[in-house]
Amino acid sequence: MNLKTFLLATLIPCTMAATTLAPIDSTSRGWLSDNSGNTITPGLSANFLAGALDGDGYRDFFRFTLPTFTGSVTAADLQLDEPANGSLFPTGVSTFTFNIYKLAALFAYDDIGANTLFGTVTLSASDDGTTVHVALNSDALIALTSGATVTFGGVLALPNNDDDAQFFAHSGAGESSILQLTTGDIVVGAPAPEPASALFIAAGLVGMGWILRKRKMA
């Protein structure tokens, strides 16, 4: 890199332009049970119970079809509505850990939780009647950037699988499951500099001109 190129690269920084996309509704959601039950139902009306009930385990899933966008996904927030009466905590338990995992297009109960961890959140009874937010990690951002369709699997970590414990129970058509994405593009250039910065830039340009002129005279 010659002196001129170096100075221009220094004086013209790159910035990241962030764009928040419109919220994306799930195209399919539901639960799978280790007792062979399931509600793999297209649309938004399916219940997405997670936990354990009467000795059976339940894990939920959410599938999204992504819109066309430019750049890379820089942030992703999975938003799941929890019904007002959607949780059940065993005696002595006040919080659950809810983990979100990568899922393939075709999957069974045991596949949910067996792949890459995409995010985690701590849940409590105070989350009843609210929207639960799961901030997805860098592995999820890579998958979201490269895929047109993505499927997430949810596992409620239970202290004892024999205890009745659940979250998102009674969920249905009134509860949303939404993916909120933020994308970013590299933009060359920056806003007009402040006076002090402008003086520094001007001095650099003058110095560059003097050096180039001196080289030509040599």
N, C-alpha and C. Protein backbone atom coordinates (compact mmCIF):
# COMPACT_ATOMS: atom_id res chain seq x y z
N MET A 1 0.85 -1.19 0.00
CA MET A 1 0.00 0.00 0.00
C MET A 1 0.89 1.24 0.00
N ASN A 2 0.70 2.16 -0.98
CA ASN A 2 1.49 3.37 -1.00
C ASN A 2 0.94 4.39 -0.02
N LEU A 3 1.66 5.50 0.13
CA LEU A 3 1.30 6.51 1.13
C LEU A 3 -0.07 7.10 0.85
N LYS A 4 -0.37 7.38 -0.41
CA LYS A 4 -1.64 8.00 -0.78
C LYS A 4 -2.80 7.08 -0.41
N THR A 5 -2.67 5.81 -0.75
CA THR A 5 -3.73 4.86 -0.45
C THR A 5 -3.93 4.70 1.05
N PHE A 6 -2.80 4.68 1.78
CA PHE A 6 -2.88 4.54 3.23
C PHE A 6 -3.61 5.71 3.86
N LEU A 7 -3.30 6.93 3.43
CA LEU A 7 -3.94 8.11 4.01
C LEU A 7 -5.42 8.15 3.68
N LEU A 8 -5.77 7.79 2.46
CA LEU A 8 -7.18 7.80 2.08
C LEU A 8 -7.95 6.76 2.89
N ALA A 9 -7.35 5.59 3.09
CA ALA A 9 -8.00 4.54 3.87
C ALA A 9 -8.18 4.96 5.32
N THR A 10 -7.20 5.73 5.83
CA THR A 10 -7.28 6.21 7.20
C THR A 10 -8.35 7.28 7.35
N LEU A 11 -8.46 8.15 6.33
CA LEU A 11 -9.36 9.30 6.42
C LEU A 11 -10.79 8.96 6.07
N ILE A 12 -11.03 7.80 5.42
CA ILE A 12 -12.38 7.42 5.03
C ILE A 12 -12.74 6.13 5.75
N PRO A 13 -13.30 6.23 6.97
CA PRO A 13 -13.61 5.03 7.75
C PRO A 13 -14.81 4.29 7.21
N CYS A 14 -14.98 3.05 7.67
CA CYS A 14 -16.14 2.25 7.32
C CYS A 14 -17.07 2.17 8.54
N THR A 15 -18.35 2.23 8.31
CA THR A 15 -19.33 2.13 9.37
C THR A 15 -20.31 1.01 9.05
N MET A 16 -21.03 0.56 10.07
CA MET A 16 -22.03 -0.49 9.90
C MET A 16 -23.42 0.12 9.92
N ALA A 17 -24.17 -0.05 8.84
CA ALA A 17 -25.54 0.44 8.77
C ALA A 17 -26.47 -0.68 9.19
N ALA A 18 -27.19 -0.50 10.31
CA ALA A 18 -28.06 -1.53 10.85
C ALA A 18 -29.49 -1.32 10.37
N THR A 19 -30.17 -2.42 10.05
CA THR A 19 -31.56 -2.38 9.62
C THR A 19 -32.34 -3.41 10.44
N THR A 20 -33.41 -2.96 11.09
CA THR A 20 -34.28 -3.87 11.82
C THR A 20 -35.41 -4.30 10.89
N LEU A 21 -35.48 -5.59 10.63
CA LEU A 21 -36.50 -6.11 9.73
C LEU A 21 -37.85 -6.20 10.42
N ALA A 22 -38.90 -6.27 9.62
CA ALA A 22 -40.24 -6.44 10.18
C ALA A 22 -40.31 -7.77 10.93
N PRO A 23 -41.06 -7.85 12.03
CA PRO A 23 -41.17 -9.11 12.78
C PRO A 23 -41.64 -10.25 11.88
N ILE A 24 -41.04 -11.43 12.09
CA ILE A 24 -41.34 -12.61 11.26
C ILE A 24 -42.15 -13.60 12.11
N ASP A 25 -43.37 -13.89 11.68
CA ASP A 25 -44.19 -14.90 12.37
C ASP A 25 -43.72 -16.30 12.01
N SER A 26 -43.83 -17.22 12.96
CA SER A 26 -43.50 -18.61 12.66
C SER A 26 -44.50 -19.17 11.65
N THR A 27 -44.01 -20.00 10.76
CA THR A 27 -44.88 -20.65 9.78
C THR A 27 -45.40 -21.98 10.30
N SER A 28 -44.74 -22.53 11.32
CA SER A 28 -45.18 -23.78 11.93
C SER A 28 -44.59 -23.83 13.33
N ARG A 29 -45.35 -24.40 14.25
CA ARG A 29 -44.87 -24.54 15.63
C ARG A 29 -45.67 -25.63 16.31
N GLY A 30 -45.21 -26.07 17.49
CA GLY A 30 -45.93 -27.10 18.21
C GLY A 30 -45.04 -27.76 19.23
N TRP A 31 -45.42 -28.98 19.64
CA TRP A 31 -44.61 -29.74 20.59
C TRP A 31 -44.51 -31.19 20.16
N LEU A 32 -43.48 -31.84 20.68
CA LEU A 32 -43.34 -33.29 20.53
C LEU A 32 -43.23 -33.89 21.92
N SER A 33 -43.76 -35.09 22.09
CA SER A 33 -43.72 -35.78 23.37
C SER A 33 -42.91 -37.06 23.25
N ASP A 34 -42.26 -37.44 24.35
CA ASP A 34 -41.53 -38.70 24.35
C ASP A 34 -42.48 -39.89 24.44
N ASN A 35 -43.77 -39.61 24.50
CA ASN A 35 -44.79 -40.65 24.48
C ASN A 35 -45.47 -40.72 23.12
N SER A 36 -44.72 -40.28 22.09
CA SER A 36 -45.13 -40.35 20.69
C SER A 36 -46.22 -39.36 20.30
N GLY A 37 -46.62 -38.49 21.19
CA GLY A 37 -47.60 -37.48 20.83
C GLY A 37 -46.94 -36.29 20.16
N ASN A 38 -47.72 -35.55 19.39
CA ASN A 38 -47.17 -34.36 18.76
C ASN A 38 -48.30 -33.46 18.29
N THR A 39 -47.98 -32.19 18.10
CA THR A 39 -48.90 -31.25 17.47
C THR A 39 -48.14 -30.51 16.38
N ILE A 40 -47.54 -31.24 15.46
CA ILE A 40 -46.82 -30.62 14.35
C ILE A 40 -47.87 -30.08 13.38
N THR A 41 -48.30 -28.87 13.65
CA THR A 41 -49.41 -28.28 12.92
C THR A 41 -48.97 -27.01 12.23
N PRO A 42 -49.15 -26.90 10.91
CA PRO A 42 -48.83 -25.63 10.23
C PRO A 42 -49.68 -24.50 10.78
N GLY A 43 -49.12 -23.30 10.72
CA GLY A 43 -49.89 -22.14 11.17
C GLY A 43 -49.51 -21.71 12.57
N LEU A 44 -50.28 -20.77 13.12
CA LEU A 44 -49.93 -20.14 14.38
C LEU A 44 -50.82 -20.55 15.54
N SER A 45 -51.72 -21.50 15.33
CA SER A 45 -52.66 -21.85 16.39
C SER A 45 -52.16 -22.96 17.30
N ALA A 46 -51.06 -23.61 16.93
CA ALA A 46 -50.59 -24.78 17.67
C ALA A 46 -50.04 -24.41 19.04
N ASN A 47 -50.35 -25.24 20.00
CA ASN A 47 -49.81 -25.10 21.36
C ASN A 47 -48.32 -25.44 21.34
N PHE A 48 -47.51 -24.69 22.11
CA PHE A 48 -46.07 -24.98 22.15
C PHE A 48 -45.60 -25.22 23.59
N LEU A 49 -46.27 -26.14 24.23
CA LEU A 49 -45.95 -26.56 25.59
C LEU A 49 -44.52 -27.11 25.67
N ALA A 50 -43.83 -26.79 26.75
CA ALA A 50 -42.52 -27.39 27.05
C ALA A 50 -42.50 -27.78 28.51
N GLY A 51 -41.90 -28.95 28.81
CA GLY A 51 -41.80 -29.39 30.19
C GLY A 51 -42.13 -30.85 30.37
N ALA A 52 -42.85 -31.16 31.44
CA ALA A 52 -43.24 -32.53 31.75
C ALA A 52 -44.61 -32.53 32.39
N LEU A 53 -45.41 -33.54 32.07
CA LEU A 53 -46.75 -33.64 32.62
C LEU A 53 -47.15 -35.11 32.66
N ASP A 54 -47.54 -35.56 33.86
CA ASP A 54 -47.98 -36.95 34.05
C ASP A 54 -46.94 -37.95 33.55
N GLY A 55 -45.68 -37.62 33.78
CA GLY A 55 -44.60 -38.53 33.41
C GLY A 55 -44.13 -38.45 31.98
N ASP A 56 -44.77 -37.63 31.16
CA ASP A 56 -44.37 -37.47 29.76
C ASP A 56 -43.59 -36.17 29.58
N GLY A 57 -42.54 -36.22 28.75
CA GLY A 57 -41.76 -35.03 28.46
C GLY A 57 -42.30 -34.33 27.22
N TYR A 58 -42.18 -33.01 27.20
CA TYR A 58 -42.65 -32.19 26.07
C TYR A 58 -41.56 -31.21 25.67
N ARG A 59 -41.29 -31.14 24.38
CA ARG A 59 -40.34 -30.17 23.82
C ARG A 59 -41.01 -29.48 22.65
N ASP A 60 -40.78 -28.19 22.52
CA ASP A 60 -41.48 -27.44 21.47
C ASP A 60 -40.55 -27.07 20.32
N PHE A 61 -41.14 -26.58 19.25
CA PHE A 61 -40.36 -26.20 18.07
C PHE A 61 -41.05 -25.02 17.38
N PHE A 62 -40.23 -24.29 16.61
CA PHE A 62 -40.70 -23.11 15.88
C PHE A 62 -39.97 -23.03 14.55
N ARG A 63 -40.71 -22.92 13.46
CA ARG A 63 -40.09 -22.83 12.13
C ARG A 63 -40.41 -21.47 11.52
N PHE A 64 -39.39 -20.86 10.91
CA PHE A 64 -39.53 -19.54 10.31
C PHE A 64 -39.02 -19.56 8.88
N THR A 65 -39.75 -18.91 7.99
CA THR A 65 -39.29 -18.65 6.63
C THR A 65 -38.79 -17.22 6.58
N LEU A 66 -37.51 -17.05 6.23
CA LEU A 66 -36.88 -15.74 6.32
C LEU A 66 -37.11 -14.92 5.06
N PRO A 67 -37.26 -13.61 5.20
CA PRO A 67 -37.39 -12.74 4.02
C PRO A 67 -36.03 -12.55 3.36
N THR A 68 -36.04 -12.01 2.16
CA THR A 68 -34.78 -11.67 1.48
C THR A 68 -34.21 -10.40 2.09
N PHE A 69 -32.91 -10.43 2.40
CA PHE A 69 -32.26 -9.24 2.96
C PHE A 69 -30.81 -9.22 2.50
N THR A 70 -30.19 -8.06 2.62
CA THR A 70 -28.78 -7.91 2.28
C THR A 70 -27.95 -7.84 3.55
N GLY A 71 -26.67 -8.16 3.43
CA GLY A 71 -25.79 -8.11 4.59
C GLY A 71 -25.92 -9.35 5.45
N SER A 72 -25.49 -9.22 6.69
CA SER A 72 -25.50 -10.34 7.63
C SER A 72 -26.44 -10.02 8.79
N VAL A 73 -26.94 -11.07 9.42
CA VAL A 73 -27.75 -10.90 10.62
C VAL A 73 -26.81 -10.59 11.79
N THR A 74 -27.02 -9.46 12.43
CA THR A 74 -26.15 -9.02 13.52
C THR A 74 -26.79 -9.19 14.89
N ALA A 75 -28.11 -9.37 14.93
CA ALA A 75 -28.82 -9.60 16.19
C ALA A 75 -30.13 -10.32 15.88
N ALA A 76 -30.55 -11.19 16.79
CA ALA A 76 -31.80 -11.93 16.61
C ALA A 76 -32.44 -12.15 17.96
N ASP A 77 -33.75 -11.90 18.02
CA ASP A 77 -34.50 -12.02 19.26
C ASP A 77 -35.73 -12.89 19.00
N LEU A 78 -35.78 -14.05 19.65
CA LEU A 78 -36.94 -14.93 19.55
C LEU A 78 -37.93 -14.51 20.64
N GLN A 79 -39.16 -14.17 20.23
CA GLN A 79 -40.16 -13.63 21.15
C GLN A 79 -41.35 -14.58 21.23
N LEU A 80 -41.59 -15.12 22.42
CA LEU A 80 -42.63 -16.13 22.63
C LEU A 80 -43.59 -15.65 23.71
N ASP A 81 -44.87 -15.58 23.37
CA ASP A 81 -45.88 -15.15 24.35
C ASP A 81 -46.16 -16.28 25.34
N GLU A 82 -46.09 -15.96 26.61
CA GLU A 82 -46.42 -16.90 27.68
C GLU A 82 -47.81 -16.57 28.22
N PRO A 83 -48.75 -17.53 28.16
CA PRO A 83 -50.09 -17.27 28.68
C PRO A 83 -50.07 -16.89 30.16
N ALA A 84 -51.12 -16.25 30.60
CA ALA A 84 -51.19 -15.80 32.00
C ALA A 84 -51.14 -16.97 32.97
N ASN A 85 -51.63 -18.13 32.56
CA ASN A 85 -51.63 -19.33 33.41
C ASN A 85 -50.79 -20.43 32.79
N GLY A 86 -49.69 -20.05 32.14
CA GLY A 86 -48.93 -21.02 31.34
C GLY A 86 -47.84 -21.78 32.07
N SER A 87 -47.56 -21.43 33.32
CA SER A 87 -46.43 -22.10 33.99
C SER A 87 -46.91 -22.97 35.15
N LEU A 88 -46.13 -23.99 35.44
CA LEU A 88 -46.35 -24.86 36.59
C LEU A 88 -44.99 -25.23 37.15
N PHE A 89 -44.73 -24.84 38.40
CA PHE A 89 -43.44 -25.09 39.03
C PHE A 89 -43.58 -26.14 40.13
N PRO A 90 -42.69 -27.12 40.14
CA PRO A 90 -42.71 -28.08 41.25
C PRO A 90 -42.40 -27.40 42.58
N THR A 91 -42.76 -28.03 43.66
CA THR A 91 -42.49 -27.48 44.99
C THR A 91 -40.98 -27.26 45.17
N GLY A 92 -40.63 -26.09 45.63
CA GLY A 92 -39.23 -25.77 45.88
C GLY A 92 -38.47 -25.25 44.67
N VAL A 93 -39.12 -25.17 43.52
CA VAL A 93 -38.47 -24.68 42.29
C VAL A 93 -39.09 -23.33 41.92
N SER A 94 -38.26 -22.32 41.69
CA SER A 94 -38.78 -20.98 41.38
C SER A 94 -38.39 -20.50 39.99
N THR A 95 -37.42 -21.17 39.35
CA THR A 95 -36.99 -20.77 38.00
C THR A 95 -36.73 -22.00 37.14
N PHE A 96 -36.89 -21.80 35.84
CA PHE A 96 -36.53 -22.81 34.84
C PHE A 96 -35.48 -22.19 33.92
N THR A 97 -34.67 -23.05 33.31
CA THR A 97 -33.81 -22.64 32.20
C THR A 97 -34.42 -23.18 30.92
N PHE A 98 -34.67 -22.28 29.98
CA PHE A 98 -35.24 -22.67 28.69
C PHE A 98 -34.19 -22.49 27.62
N ASN A 99 -33.83 -23.58 26.95
CA ASN A 99 -32.77 -23.56 25.94
C ASN A 99 -33.37 -23.70 24.53
N ILE A 100 -32.80 -22.94 23.60
CA ILE A 100 -33.20 -23.01 22.20
C ILE A 100 -32.06 -23.64 21.41
N TYR A 101 -32.39 -24.65 20.58
CA TYR A 101 -31.40 -25.38 19.81
C TYR A 101 -31.71 -25.34 18.32
N LYS A 102 -30.69 -25.59 17.53
CA LYS A 102 -30.85 -25.76 16.09
C LYS A 102 -31.56 -27.07 15.81
N LEU A 103 -32.45 -27.05 14.81
CA LEU A 103 -33.15 -28.26 14.39
C LEU A 103 -33.06 -28.42 12.88
N ALA A 104 -33.03 -29.66 12.42
CA ALA A 104 -33.10 -29.94 11.00
C ALA A 104 -34.55 -29.83 10.53
N ALA A 105 -34.76 -29.90 9.24
CA ALA A 105 -36.11 -29.78 8.69
C ALA A 105 -37.00 -30.93 9.15
N LEU A 106 -36.42 -32.13 9.27
CA LEU A 106 -37.15 -33.28 9.78
C LEU A 106 -36.53 -33.68 11.11
N PHE A 107 -37.38 -33.93 12.10
CA PHE A 107 -36.82 -34.19 13.43
C PHE A 107 -37.81 -35.01 14.26
N ALA A 108 -37.26 -35.64 15.31
CA ALA A 108 -38.05 -36.38 16.28
C ALA A 108 -37.81 -35.76 17.66
N TYR A 109 -38.49 -36.29 18.66
CA TYR A 109 -38.39 -35.73 20.02
C TYR A 109 -36.94 -35.66 20.49
N ASP A 110 -36.19 -36.75 20.32
CA ASP A 110 -34.82 -36.80 20.83
C ASP A 110 -33.88 -35.86 20.07
N ASP A 111 -34.27 -35.40 18.89
CA ASP A 111 -33.43 -34.46 18.14
C ASP A 111 -33.46 -33.07 18.75
N ILE A 112 -34.52 -32.75 19.47
CA ILE A 112 -34.64 -31.43 20.08
C ILE A 112 -33.74 -31.39 21.31
N GLY A 113 -32.70 -30.59 21.23
CA GLY A 113 -31.72 -30.51 22.31
C GLY A 113 -30.44 -31.24 22.02
N ALA A 114 -30.36 -31.91 20.85
CA ALA A 114 -29.16 -32.69 20.52
C ALA A 114 -28.23 -31.96 19.57
N ASN A 115 -28.61 -30.76 19.14
CA ASN A 115 -27.80 -30.03 18.18
C ASN A 115 -27.23 -28.76 18.82
N THR A 116 -26.81 -27.82 17.99
CA THR A 116 -26.14 -26.61 18.47
C THR A 116 -27.06 -25.75 19.31
N LEU A 117 -26.55 -25.28 20.46
CA LEU A 117 -27.30 -24.37 21.31
C LEU A 117 -27.34 -22.99 20.67
N PHE A 118 -28.55 -22.43 20.54
CA PHE A 118 -28.72 -21.13 19.89
C PHE A 118 -29.05 -20.01 20.87
N GLY A 119 -29.44 -20.36 22.08
CA GLY A 119 -29.78 -19.32 23.05
C GLY A 119 -30.39 -19.91 24.30
N THR A 120 -30.40 -19.13 25.38
CA THR A 120 -30.94 -19.60 26.65
C THR A 120 -31.53 -18.43 27.43
N VAL A 121 -32.54 -18.72 28.23
CA VAL A 121 -33.17 -17.69 29.05
C VAL A 121 -33.66 -18.33 30.34
N THR A 122 -33.65 -17.56 31.42
CA THR A 122 -34.17 -18.01 32.71
C THR A 122 -35.62 -17.55 32.85
N LEU A 123 -36.50 -18.48 33.22
CA LEU A 123 -37.93 -18.20 33.33
C LEU A 123 -38.39 -18.32 34.77
N SER A 124 -39.38 -17.51 35.14
CA SER A 124 -39.98 -17.58 36.46
C SER A 124 -41.48 -17.31 36.33
N ALA A 125 -42.20 -17.45 37.43
CA ALA A 125 -43.63 -17.22 37.40
C ALA A 125 -43.97 -15.78 37.03
N SER A 126 -43.05 -14.86 37.24
CA SER A 126 -43.29 -13.45 36.89
C SER A 126 -43.37 -13.26 35.37
N ASP A 127 -42.96 -14.27 34.60
CA ASP A 127 -43.04 -14.18 33.14
C ASP A 127 -44.43 -14.55 32.62
N ASP A 128 -45.29 -15.08 33.48
CA ASP A 128 -46.65 -15.41 33.04
C ASP A 128 -47.35 -14.14 32.55
N GLY A 129 -48.01 -14.26 31.40
CA GLY A 129 -48.73 -13.13 30.84
C GLY A 129 -47.85 -12.11 30.14
N THR A 130 -46.59 -12.48 29.87
CA THR A 130 -45.66 -11.55 29.20
C THR A 130 -45.09 -12.21 27.94
N THR A 131 -44.26 -11.47 27.24
CA THR A 131 -43.53 -12.02 26.09
C THR A 131 -42.11 -12.37 26.54
N VAL A 132 -41.74 -13.62 26.36
CA VAL A 132 -40.40 -14.09 26.71
C VAL A 132 -39.46 -13.79 25.55
N HIS A 133 -38.32 -13.17 25.86
CA HIS A 133 -37.33 -12.82 24.84
C HIS A 133 -36.10 -13.72 25.00
N VAL A 134 -35.72 -14.38 23.92
CA VAL A 134 -34.50 -15.20 23.91
C VAL A 134 -33.53 -14.57 22.91
N ALA A 135 -32.45 -13.98 23.42
CA ALA A 135 -31.43 -13.39 22.56
C ALA A 135 -30.59 -14.53 21.98
N LEU A 136 -30.59 -14.66 20.66
CA LEU A 136 -29.89 -15.77 20.02
C LEU A 136 -28.41 -15.46 19.86
N ASN A 137 -27.58 -16.49 19.93
CA ASN A 137 -26.12 -16.32 19.96
C ASN A 137 -25.52 -16.27 18.56
N SER A 138 -24.18 -16.21 18.51
CA SER A 138 -23.47 -16.04 17.24
C SER A 138 -23.67 -17.23 16.30
N ASP A 139 -23.78 -18.44 16.85
CA ASP A 139 -24.04 -19.61 16.00
C ASP A 139 -25.40 -19.47 15.30
N ALA A 140 -26.37 -18.96 16.02
CA ALA A 140 -27.69 -18.74 15.42
C ALA A 140 -27.63 -17.66 14.34
N LEU A 141 -26.85 -16.61 14.59
CA LEU A 141 -26.75 -15.53 13.61
C LEU A 141 -26.15 -16.03 12.29
N ILE A 142 -25.17 -16.92 12.38
CA ILE A 142 -24.59 -17.51 11.17
C ILE A 142 -25.64 -18.32 10.41
N ALA A 143 -26.40 -19.13 11.14
CA ALA A 143 -27.43 -19.96 10.50
C ALA A 143 -28.51 -19.09 9.87
N LEU A 144 -28.87 -18.01 10.53
CA LEU A 144 -29.91 -17.12 10.01
C LEU A 144 -29.43 -16.38 8.77
N THR A 145 -28.14 -16.05 8.74
CA THR A 145 -27.59 -15.34 7.59
C THR A 145 -27.55 -16.23 6.35
N SER A 146 -27.29 -17.51 6.55
CA SER A 146 -27.07 -18.41 5.42
C SER A 146 -28.30 -19.21 5.00
N GLY A 147 -29.37 -19.19 5.78
CA GLY A 147 -30.51 -20.05 5.48
C GLY A 147 -31.77 -19.29 5.13
N ALA A 148 -32.59 -19.89 4.26
CA ALA A 148 -33.88 -19.29 3.90
C ALA A 148 -34.98 -19.72 4.87
N THR A 149 -34.78 -20.89 5.49
CA THR A 149 -35.71 -21.41 6.48
C THR A 149 -34.91 -21.89 7.68
N VAL A 150 -35.40 -21.62 8.87
CA VAL A 150 -34.71 -22.05 10.07
C VAL A 150 -35.73 -22.63 11.05
N THR A 151 -35.33 -23.69 11.75
CA THR A 151 -36.19 -24.32 12.75
C THR A 151 -35.47 -24.36 14.08
N PHE A 152 -36.17 -23.92 15.13
CA PHE A 152 -35.62 -23.93 16.49
C PHE A 152 -36.37 -24.97 17.32
N GLY A 153 -35.64 -25.59 18.24
CA GLY A 153 -36.25 -26.51 19.19
C GLY A 153 -36.05 -26.01 20.60
N GLY A 154 -37.09 -26.08 21.43
CA GLY A 154 -37.00 -25.58 22.80
C GLY A 154 -37.06 -26.69 23.83
N VAL A 155 -36.16 -26.63 24.83
CA VAL A 155 -36.10 -27.62 25.90
C VAL A 155 -36.14 -26.90 27.24
N LEU A 156 -37.08 -27.28 28.08
CA LEU A 156 -37.14 -26.76 29.44
C LEU A 156 -36.32 -27.68 30.32
N ALA A 157 -35.21 -27.16 30.86
CA ALA A 157 -34.34 -27.97 31.71
C ALA A 157 -35.04 -28.19 33.05
N LEU A 158 -35.28 -29.47 33.38
CA LEU A 158 -36.06 -29.80 34.57
C LEU A 158 -35.19 -30.41 35.66
N PRO A 159 -35.43 -30.03 36.91
CA PRO A 159 -34.64 -30.61 38.01
C PRO A 159 -34.92 -32.09 38.19
N ASN A 160 -36.15 -32.52 37.85
CA ASN A 160 -36.53 -33.92 37.98
C ASN A 160 -37.61 -34.21 36.94
N ASN A 161 -37.30 -35.05 36.00
CA ASN A 161 -38.23 -35.32 34.90
C ASN A 161 -39.54 -35.96 35.35
N ASP A 162 -39.56 -36.48 36.59
CA ASP A 162 -40.79 -37.10 37.08
C ASP A 162 -41.79 -36.07 37.62
N ASP A 163 -41.32 -34.86 37.89
CA ASP A 163 -42.19 -33.82 38.42
C ASP A 163 -42.98 -33.15 37.30
N ASP A 164 -44.21 -32.78 37.59
CA ASP A 164 -44.98 -31.97 36.65
C ASP A 164 -44.41 -30.57 36.65
N ALA A 165 -43.94 -30.13 35.51
CA ALA A 165 -43.34 -28.80 35.38
C ALA A 165 -43.53 -28.36 33.94
N GLN A 166 -44.03 -27.15 33.74
CA GLN A 166 -44.31 -26.75 32.38
C GLN A 166 -44.26 -25.24 32.20
N PHE A 167 -44.09 -24.86 30.95
CA PHE A 167 -44.12 -23.45 30.54
C PHE A 167 -44.75 -23.41 29.16
N PHE A 168 -45.37 -22.30 28.84
CA PHE A 168 -46.10 -22.10 27.57
C PHE A 168 -47.30 -23.04 27.47
N ALA A 169 -47.77 -23.57 28.60
CA ALA A 169 -48.99 -24.38 28.58
C ALA A 169 -50.17 -23.47 28.23
N HIS A 170 -51.20 -24.06 27.63
CA HIS A 170 -52.41 -23.34 27.22
C HIS A 170 -52.14 -22.30 26.12
N SER A 171 -50.97 -22.36 25.51
CA SER A 171 -50.69 -21.43 24.40
C SER A 171 -51.49 -21.86 23.18
N GLY A 172 -51.84 -20.89 22.34
CA GLY A 172 -52.65 -21.18 21.17
C GLY A 172 -52.71 -19.99 20.25
N ALA A 173 -53.86 -19.80 19.61
CA ALA A 173 -54.00 -18.75 18.60
C ALA A 173 -53.77 -17.36 19.17
N GLY A 174 -53.99 -17.18 20.47
CA GLY A 174 -53.82 -15.86 21.07
C GLY A 174 -52.38 -15.52 21.41
N GLU A 175 -51.47 -16.47 21.29
CA GLU A 175 -50.06 -16.24 21.63
C GLU A 175 -49.20 -16.23 20.38
N SER A 176 -48.29 -15.26 20.32
CA SER A 176 -47.42 -15.09 19.15
C SER A 176 -46.09 -15.81 19.36
N SER A 177 -45.49 -16.19 18.26
CA SER A 177 -44.10 -16.69 18.24
C SER A 177 -43.41 -15.97 17.09
N ILE A 178 -42.56 -15.04 17.43
CA ILE A 178 -42.02 -14.08 16.47
C ILE A 178 -40.49 -14.08 16.52
N LEU A 179 -39.89 -13.87 15.37
CA LEU A 179 -38.44 -13.71 15.25
C LEU A 179 -38.15 -12.29 14.78
N GLN A 180 -37.36 -11.57 15.56
CA GLN A 180 -36.99 -10.20 15.20
C GLN A 180 -35.51 -10.17 14.84
N LEU A 181 -35.20 -9.76 13.60
CA LEU A 181 -33.83 -9.75 13.12
C LEU A 181 -33.33 -8.34 12.88
N THR A 182 -32.05 -8.14 13.13
CA THR A 182 -31.35 -6.92 12.75
C THR A 182 -30.21 -7.31 11.82
N THR A 183 -30.13 -6.64 10.67
CA THR A 183 -29.07 -6.93 9.71
C THR A 183 -28.15 -5.73 9.59
N GLY A 184 -26.95 -5.96 9.05
CA GLY A 184 -25.98 -4.89 8.91
C GLY A 184 -25.23 -4.97 7.60
N ASP A 185 -24.94 -3.80 7.00
CA ASP A 185 -24.13 -3.69 5.80
C ASP A 185 -22.94 -2.79 6.09
N ILE A 186 -21.78 -3.09 5.50
CA ILE A 186 -20.62 -2.22 5.61
C ILE A 186 -20.80 -1.03 4.66
N VAL A 187 -20.70 0.18 5.21
CA VAL A 187 -20.85 1.39 4.41
C VAL A 187 -19.56 2.19 4.48
N VAL A 188 -18.99 2.52 3.29
CA VAL A 188 -17.77 3.31 3.24
C VAL A 188 -18.13 4.78 3.40
N GLY A 189 -17.38 5.47 4.25
CA GLY A 189 -17.65 6.88 4.46
C GLY A 189 -18.22 7.09 5.85
N ALA A 190 -18.35 8.36 6.21
CA ALA A 190 -18.85 8.71 7.53
C ALA A 190 -19.50 10.07 7.45
N PRO A 191 -20.29 10.44 8.48
CA PRO A 191 -20.89 11.77 8.50
C PRO A 191 -19.83 12.86 8.49
N ALA A 192 -20.26 14.08 8.19
CA ALA A 192 -19.32 15.20 8.15
C ALA A 192 -18.58 15.31 9.47
N PRO A 193 -17.25 15.46 9.45
CA PRO A 193 -16.47 15.48 10.69
C PRO A 193 -16.68 16.76 11.48
N GLU A 194 -16.45 16.68 12.78
CA GLU A 194 -16.49 17.86 13.65
C GLU A 194 -15.29 18.74 13.31
N PRO A 195 -15.32 20.02 13.74
CA PRO A 195 -14.23 20.96 13.39
C PRO A 195 -12.83 20.45 13.70
N ALA A 196 -12.64 19.87 14.89
CA ALA A 196 -11.30 19.40 15.25
C ALA A 196 -10.86 18.28 14.31
N SER A 197 -11.78 17.40 13.98
CA SER A 197 -11.45 16.31 13.08
C SER A 197 -11.18 16.83 11.68
N ALA A 198 -11.94 17.85 11.27
CA ALA A 198 -11.74 18.43 9.95
C ALA A 198 -10.34 19.03 9.82
N LEU A 199 -9.85 19.70 10.89
CA LEU A 199 -8.51 20.27 10.85
C LEU A 199 -7.45 19.18 10.72
N PHE A 200 -7.66 18.07 11.43
CA PHE A 200 -6.72 16.97 11.35
C PHE A 200 -6.69 16.39 9.93
N ILE A 201 -7.87 16.23 9.34
CA ILE A 201 -7.94 15.70 7.98
C ILE A 201 -7.27 16.64 7.00
N ALA A 202 -7.52 17.95 7.15
CA ALA A 202 -6.92 18.93 6.25
C ALA A 202 -5.40 18.90 6.36
N ALA A 203 -4.89 18.81 7.58
CA ALA A 203 -3.44 18.75 7.77
C ALA A 203 -2.86 17.52 7.09
N GLY A 204 -3.58 16.39 7.18
CA GLY A 204 -3.10 15.18 6.54
C GLY A 204 -3.06 15.31 5.03
N LEU A 205 -4.09 15.95 4.45
CA LEU A 205 -4.11 16.13 3.00
C LEU A 205 -3.00 17.06 2.53
N VAL A 206 -2.77 18.14 3.31
CA VAL A 206 -1.68 19.06 2.96
C VAL A 206 -0.35 18.33 3.01
N GLY A 207 -0.16 17.53 4.06
CA GLY A 207 1.09 16.80 4.18
C GLY A 207 1.27 15.80 3.05
N MET A 208 0.20 15.14 2.65
CA MET A 208 0.27 14.19 1.56
C MET A 208 0.66 14.90 0.27
N GLY A 209 0.06 16.09 0.03
CA GLY A 209 0.40 16.85 -1.18
C GLY A 209 1.84 17.29 -1.20
N TRP A 210 2.34 17.70 -0.04
CA TRP A 210 3.74 18.16 0.03
C TRP A 210 4.70 17.01 -0.26
N ILE A 211 4.38 15.81 0.30
CA ILE A 211 5.26 14.66 0.08
C ILE A 211 5.25 14.24 -1.37
N LEU A 212 4.07 14.19 -1.97
CA LEU A 212 3.98 13.79 -3.37
C LEU A 212 4.71 14.78 -4.28
N ARG A 213 4.57 16.10 -3.96
CA ARG A 213 5.26 17.12 -4.77
C ARG A 213 6.76 16.99 -4.65
N LYS A 214 7.22 16.71 -3.43
CA LYS A 214 8.67 16.59 -3.22
C LYS A 214 9.22 15.39 -3.97
N ARG A 215 8.44 14.31 -4.03
CA ARG A 215 8.88 13.12 -4.76
C ARG A 215 9.00 13.41 -6.24
N LYS A 216 8.07 14.17 -6.79
CA LYS A 216 8.12 14.49 -8.20
C LYS A 216 9.33 15.37 -8.55
N MET A 217 9.71 16.25 -7.61
CA MET A 217 10.86 17.16 -7.86
C MET A 217 12.18 16.42 -7.72
N ALA A 218 12.17 15.31 -6.97
CA ALA A 218 13.45 14.61 -6.75
C ALA A 218 13.95 13.93 -8.01
